Protein backbone atom coordinates (compact mmCIF):
# COMPACT_ATOMS: atom_id res chain seq x y z
CA MET A 1 -0.44 -22.49 -13.45
CA ASP A 2 2.90 -20.54 -14.27
CA PHE A 3 2.08 -16.94 -14.29
CA LYS A 4 3.47 -14.78 -17.24
CA ASN A 5 1.14 -11.96 -18.09
CA ILE A 6 -0.08 -9.63 -15.08
CA THR A 7 -2.42 -6.80 -15.29
CA ILE A 8 -2.08 -4.17 -12.69
CA ALA A 9 -5.85 -2.32 -12.22
CA GLY A 10 -4.85 1.34 -10.92
CA SER A 11 -1.70 3.18 -11.35
CA GLY A 12 -2.11 5.39 -8.35
CA VAL A 13 0.36 5.35 -5.27
CA LEU A 14 0.88 1.65 -4.99
CA GLY A 15 -0.38 0.42 -8.20
CA TYR A 16 2.46 1.86 -10.36
CA GLN A 17 5.03 0.75 -7.97
CA ILE A 18 3.51 -3.01 -8.13
CA ALA A 19 3.52 -2.89 -11.86
CA PHE A 20 7.10 -1.69 -11.96
CA GLN A 21 8.32 -4.21 -9.25
CA THR A 22 6.45 -6.70 -11.49
CA ALA A 23 7.90 -6.10 -14.78
CA PHE A 24 11.63 -5.48 -13.12
CA HIS A 25 11.46 -9.33 -12.07
CA GLY A 26 10.65 -10.67 -15.47
CA TYR A 27 6.73 -10.55 -16.01
CA GLU A 28 4.98 -8.92 -19.04
CA VAL A 29 2.73 -6.12 -17.15
CA ILE A 30 -0.19 -4.25 -18.47
CA VAL A 31 -1.41 -1.20 -16.45
CA TYR A 32 -4.91 -0.44 -16.79
CA ASP A 33 -6.39 2.80 -15.88
CA ILE A 34 -9.79 4.52 -16.59
CA ASN A 35 -8.31 7.08 -19.12
CA ASP A 36 -5.25 7.65 -21.16
CA ASP A 37 -4.39 11.32 -19.38
CA VAL A 38 -4.12 8.80 -16.10
CA LEU A 39 -1.75 6.56 -17.87
CA GLU A 40 0.44 9.54 -19.21
CA LYS A 41 0.89 10.59 -15.85
CA ALA A 42 1.84 7.12 -14.46
CA LYS A 43 4.41 7.01 -17.27
CA ALA A 44 6.12 9.78 -15.91
CA LYS A 45 5.97 8.38 -12.21
CA PHE A 46 7.70 5.31 -13.72
CA ASP A 47 10.92 7.20 -14.78
CA ILE A 48 11.20 8.57 -11.21
CA LEU A 49 10.74 5.08 -10.16
CA ALA A 50 13.45 3.82 -12.10
CA GLN A 51 15.92 6.39 -10.49
CA ALA A 52 14.84 4.89 -6.93
CA PHE A 53 15.64 1.31 -8.24
CA GLU A 54 18.98 2.49 -9.65
CA LYS A 55 19.92 4.33 -6.17
CA ASP A 56 18.46 1.76 -3.95
CA LEU A 57 18.65 -1.59 -5.46
CA GLY A 58 21.71 -0.83 -7.67
CA ALA A 59 19.63 -1.58 -10.66
CA SER A 60 21.80 -1.52 -14.14
CA LYS A 61 20.36 0.52 -17.17
CA GLU A 62 20.25 -2.55 -18.93
CA GLN A 63 17.61 -3.94 -16.33
CA LEU A 64 15.60 -0.81 -16.28
CA ALA A 65 15.63 -0.74 -20.23
CA ALA A 66 14.22 -4.29 -20.09
CA THR A 67 11.43 -3.51 -17.43
CA PHE A 68 10.13 -0.51 -19.45
CA ASP A 69 10.12 -2.80 -22.71
CA ARG A 70 7.73 -4.99 -20.47
CA LEU A 71 5.35 -2.43 -19.47
CA SER A 72 2.44 -1.79 -21.61
CA TYR A 73 -0.37 0.44 -21.11
CA SER A 74 -4.31 0.34 -21.69
CA SER A 75 -7.53 2.29 -20.83
CA ASP A 76 -9.70 -0.61 -22.28
CA LEU A 77 -10.57 -3.22 -19.46
CA ALA A 78 -11.17 -6.28 -21.91
CA SER A 79 -7.81 -5.80 -23.73
CA ALA A 80 -6.04 -5.14 -20.68
CA VAL A 81 -7.00 -8.47 -19.14
CA ALA A 82 -7.25 -10.26 -22.24
CA LYS A 83 -4.26 -12.58 -21.78
CA ALA A 84 -3.84 -11.97 -17.84
CA ASP A 85 -2.87 -14.78 -15.41
CA LEU A 86 -3.34 -12.89 -12.75
CA LEU A 87 -5.07 -9.06 -12.17
CA ILE A 88 -3.86 -7.15 -9.12
CA GLU A 89 -6.53 -4.45 -8.43
CA ALA A 90 -5.36 -1.21 -6.84
CA VAL A 91 -8.44 0.98 -7.39
CA PRO A 92 -9.54 3.45 -4.96
CA GLU A 93 -10.09 2.51 -1.51
CA ASN A 94 -14.13 2.74 -1.98
CA PRO A 95 -16.47 -0.27 -1.58
CA THR A 96 -18.89 1.16 -3.96
CA ILE A 97 -15.78 1.94 -6.48
CA LYS A 98 -14.16 -1.55 -5.95
CA ILE A 99 -17.58 -3.56 -6.27
CA GLY A 100 -18.15 -1.77 -9.68
CA PHE A 101 -14.66 -2.54 -10.90
CA TYR A 102 -15.13 -6.15 -10.12
CA GLU A 103 -18.78 -6.31 -11.62
CA GLN A 104 -17.31 -4.85 -14.97
CA LEU A 105 -14.11 -7.27 -14.75
CA ALA A 106 -16.12 -10.37 -14.31
CA LYS A 107 -17.70 -9.95 -17.61
CA VAL A 108 -14.44 -9.64 -19.40
CA ALA A 109 -11.87 -11.48 -17.90
CA PRO A 110 -10.53 -14.93 -19.06
CA GLN A 111 -11.85 -17.85 -16.77
CA LYS A 112 -8.13 -18.59 -15.84
CA THR A 113 -7.45 -15.19 -14.50
CA ILE A 114 -6.94 -14.68 -10.87
CA PHE A 115 -8.05 -11.65 -9.22
CA ALA A 116 -6.14 -10.14 -5.82
CA THR A 117 -7.15 -6.84 -4.15
CA ASN A 118 -4.49 -4.71 -2.86
CA SER A 119 -6.97 -3.17 -0.33
CA SER A 120 -5.55 -2.23 2.78
CA THR A 121 -8.72 -1.99 4.82
CA LEU A 122 -11.57 -3.98 3.22
CA LEU A 123 -11.69 -7.49 3.48
CA PRO A 124 -11.98 -9.73 0.42
CA SER A 125 -15.37 -11.55 1.67
CA GLN A 126 -17.00 -7.91 1.19
CA PHE A 127 -16.63 -8.42 -2.47
CA ALA A 128 -15.81 -11.87 -3.40
CA GLN A 129 -19.56 -12.54 -4.86
CA GLU A 130 -19.09 -9.48 -7.37
CA THR A 131 -15.78 -11.13 -8.81
CA GLY A 132 -17.59 -14.11 -10.25
CA ARG A 133 -15.04 -16.21 -9.15
CA PRO A 134 -14.63 -16.12 -5.69
CA LYS A 135 -12.43 -19.33 -5.18
CA GLN A 136 -9.91 -17.33 -7.42
CA PHE A 137 -10.22 -14.21 -5.35
CA LEU A 138 -7.71 -12.95 -2.46
CA ALA A 139 -5.75 -9.99 -1.21
CA LEU A 140 -2.28 -9.40 -1.78
CA HIS A 141 -1.20 -6.46 0.31
CA PHE A 142 1.98 -4.23 -0.37
CA ALA A 143 3.48 -1.79 1.96
CA ASN A 144 4.44 1.86 0.33
CA GLU A 145 7.87 1.81 -1.17
CA ILE A 146 7.56 -1.85 -2.10
CA TRP A 147 11.09 -2.19 -3.66
CA LYS A 148 12.44 -1.30 -0.10
CA HIS A 149 9.64 -2.40 2.15
CA ASN A 150 9.23 -5.77 0.27
CA THR A 151 6.19 -7.26 2.18
CA ALA A 152 3.51 -8.95 0.69
CA GLU A 153 0.64 -10.19 2.90
CA ILE A 154 -1.44 -12.83 1.36
CA MET A 155 -4.99 -13.13 2.67
CA GLY A 156 -7.79 -15.24 1.36
CA HIS A 157 -11.37 -15.48 2.40
CA PRO A 158 -13.30 -18.45 3.28
CA GLY A 159 -14.10 -19.73 -0.16
CA THR A 160 -10.25 -18.80 -1.60
CA ASP A 161 -9.11 -21.86 -3.17
CA LYS A 162 -5.71 -23.10 -1.46
CA THR A 163 -3.95 -23.96 -4.98
CA VAL A 164 -4.86 -20.32 -5.86
CA PHE A 165 -3.60 -18.69 -2.31
CA ASP A 166 -0.13 -21.06 -2.77
CA GLN A 167 0.08 -19.65 -6.32
CA VAL A 168 -0.12 -16.18 -5.11
CA VAL A 169 2.27 -16.69 -2.54
CA ASN A 170 5.02 -18.16 -4.79
CA PHE A 171 4.08 -15.07 -7.24
CA ALA A 172 4.79 -12.75 -4.20
CA LYS A 173 8.16 -14.33 -3.56
CA SER A 174 9.29 -14.37 -7.54
CA ILE A 175 8.93 -10.69 -7.53
CA GLY A 176 11.15 -9.88 -4.61
CA MET A 177 8.59 -9.74 -1.79
CA VAL A 178 8.74 -11.42 1.57
CA ALA A 179 5.72 -13.57 1.49
CA LEU A 180 3.50 -13.20 4.63
CA PRO A 181 0.66 -15.64 4.52
CA LEU A 182 -2.24 -15.03 6.80
CA TYR A 183 -4.63 -17.99 7.59
CA LYS A 184 -7.79 -16.12 8.17
CA GLU A 185 -9.20 -12.56 7.50
CA GLN A 186 -7.96 -9.66 9.91
CA PRO A 187 -8.82 -6.03 9.39
CA GLY A 188 -5.41 -4.33 8.91
CA TYR A 189 -3.90 -7.80 8.11
CA ILE A 190 -0.33 -8.06 10.16
CA VAL A 191 1.58 -4.92 9.59
CA ASN A 192 -1.18 -2.44 10.59
CA SER A 193 -2.86 -4.93 13.19
CA LEU A 194 0.53 -4.08 15.14
CA LEU A 195 1.60 -0.68 13.73
CA VAL A 196 -2.29 1.15 14.28
CA PRO A 197 -2.10 0.70 18.10
CA LEU A 198 1.53 1.78 18.50
CA LEU A 199 0.79 4.76 16.95
CA SER A 200 -2.48 5.35 18.16
CA ALA A 201 -0.67 4.93 21.85
CA ALA A 202 1.92 7.48 20.76
CA THR A 203 -0.73 9.88 19.77
CA ASP A 204 -2.93 9.52 23.09
CA LEU A 205 0.62 10.27 25.33
CA LEU A 206 0.99 13.54 22.78
CA VAL A 207 -2.60 14.70 23.00
CA ASN A 208 -2.82 14.04 26.64
CA GLU A 209 0.38 16.23 27.14
CA VAL A 210 2.53 13.27 28.72
CA ALA A 211 5.27 14.03 26.60
CA ASP A 212 6.52 15.69 23.53
CA ALA A 213 6.71 13.76 20.18
CA GLU A 214 10.71 13.69 20.25
CA THR A 215 10.62 12.17 23.88
CA ILE A 216 7.97 9.61 22.83
CA ASP A 217 10.14 8.73 19.57
CA LYS A 218 13.36 8.39 21.58
CA THR A 219 11.91 6.22 24.17
CA TRP A 220 10.70 3.80 21.51
CA MET A 221 13.75 3.99 19.50
CA VAL A 222 16.17 3.55 22.69
CA ALA A 223 14.18 0.71 24.24
CA THR A 224 13.32 -1.24 21.40
CA GLY A 225 16.19 -0.46 18.98
CA ALA A 226 13.94 0.44 16.30
CA PRO A 227 15.18 2.95 13.74
CA THR A 228 12.08 5.07 13.51
CA GLY A 229 9.62 6.29 16.37
CA PRO A 230 5.78 6.61 16.03
CA PHE A 231 6.02 10.18 14.97
CA GLY A 232 8.69 9.67 12.35
CA ILE A 233 6.48 6.99 11.15
CA LEU A 234 3.16 8.92 11.40
CA ASP A 235 5.16 11.40 8.96
CA ILE A 236 6.13 8.60 6.45
CA VAL A 237 2.51 7.27 6.46
CA GLY A 238 0.96 10.95 6.07
CA ILE A 239 -0.33 12.63 9.20
CA THR A 240 -3.61 12.97 6.81
CA THR A 241 -4.38 9.40 7.00
CA ALA A 242 -3.66 9.39 11.03
CA TYR A 243 -6.58 12.43 10.75
CA ASN A 244 -8.82 10.35 8.87
CA ILE A 245 -8.72 7.17 10.57
CA ASN A 246 -9.10 9.05 14.06
CA LYS A 247 -12.02 10.89 12.56
CA MET A 248 -13.75 7.88 11.63
CA GLN A 249 -13.11 6.54 14.97
CA ALA A 250 -14.46 9.66 16.77
CA GLU A 251 -17.60 9.61 14.94
CA ALA A 252 -18.32 5.78 15.49
CA THR A 253 -17.70 6.08 18.93
CA ASN A 254 -17.83 9.36 20.31
CA ASP A 255 -14.60 8.86 22.41
CA LEU A 256 -13.58 12.24 23.93
CA LEU A 257 -9.85 11.44 23.55
CA LYS A 258 -10.21 10.71 19.70
CA ILE A 259 -12.09 13.82 19.49
CA LYS A 260 -9.68 15.69 20.99
CA THR A 261 -6.91 14.02 18.89
CA VAL A 262 -8.81 14.86 15.83
CA ALA A 263 -9.09 18.47 16.73
CA TYR A 264 -5.35 18.31 17.85
CA LEU A 265 -4.06 16.98 14.45
CA LYS A 266 -6.40 19.68 12.50
CA GLU A 267 -4.86 22.44 14.53
CA HIS A 268 -1.33 22.02 14.17
CA PHE A 269 -0.65 19.85 11.16
CA ILE A 270 -4.01 19.75 8.48
CA ASP A 271 -4.54 23.24 8.62
CA LYS A 272 -0.68 24.09 8.53
CA ASN A 273 -0.27 21.81 5.45
CA LYS A 274 2.27 20.02 7.63
CA LEU A 275 0.98 16.50 6.63
CA GLY A 276 4.61 14.80 7.03
CA VAL A 277 7.53 13.65 4.39
CA ALA A 278 5.35 14.58 1.57
CA THR A 279 5.20 18.46 2.19
CA GLY A 280 8.46 18.65 3.84
CA GLU A 281 7.02 18.97 7.45
CA GLY A 282 5.28 17.25 10.10
CA PHE A 283 6.56 16.22 13.37
CA TYR A 284 9.82 16.71 11.78
CA SER A 285 11.41 18.81 9.24
CA TYR A 286 12.67 17.03 6.02
CA PRO A 287 14.79 15.88 4.32
CA ASN A 288 16.79 15.97 7.48
CA PRO A 289 14.53 15.11 10.33
CA ALA A 290 16.02 15.44 13.98
CA TYR A 291 15.70 11.68 14.80
CA GLN A 292 18.12 11.00 12.03
CA SER A 293 20.87 12.98 14.00
CA PRO A 294 23.60 10.92 15.69
CA ASP A 295 22.78 13.03 18.62
CA PHE A 296 19.03 12.40 18.86
CA LEU A 297 19.29 9.21 20.84
CA LYS A 298 21.67 10.79 23.58
């Protein structure tokens, strides 16, 4: 099946980026969200995103105008999905919300429609049955700022049809992504399976007073050639995310180091609204963090 019409459910942080990226690459895209007020906010974000595409990708005014022409909006799920070859779900990362959404979607989507979740923490098998079409369901996971960090991790569950999997891999390539197929379910996919242990190890070194954040970042950057160290990455990801992950781990395990990390992040960052790039300050100050200085690695 050749995909032509794509529906993006959810216009939050990643949803609106996926929608714009898909429309930019020639697909007709309907953006669905729960009400018209939310969709109006998404339209404003598209204007800002267009500037990023112009600056970072050299997109022309004509390309961007055509992208906007291919975008439409709906707060009615049945009409939003009526022609969809593929629906990409980017609703809040809450199992109850996702399951409720899929139960509603299953009643109105055409039989041909493939469903893909952008969930970063939940496995497709956790709600495959609720989709009503488990063979046509899988995960398609994007990184933030997808026009630059163009990874698309494709992960099925044991019941995903191989043909459907291959179609979604091809779709990911067609919208400018580097397609990264996973052959079995894995919490955290590939990127976070590699990244989370790095960030955790760095935070452990800091909280245990082994070294300061800049020294730890410098070590990683010099030794591996990476452009950013773990604390620079944490500022980009958002310190609230790191805080929440550590808090969940601390509550689940009673691990003393995790408990200490949660207290440290709360005192030094959360309570002071130093949440990373988004607030202009985290481990570094923005827009010109110290790690980007030519002298940082000396």
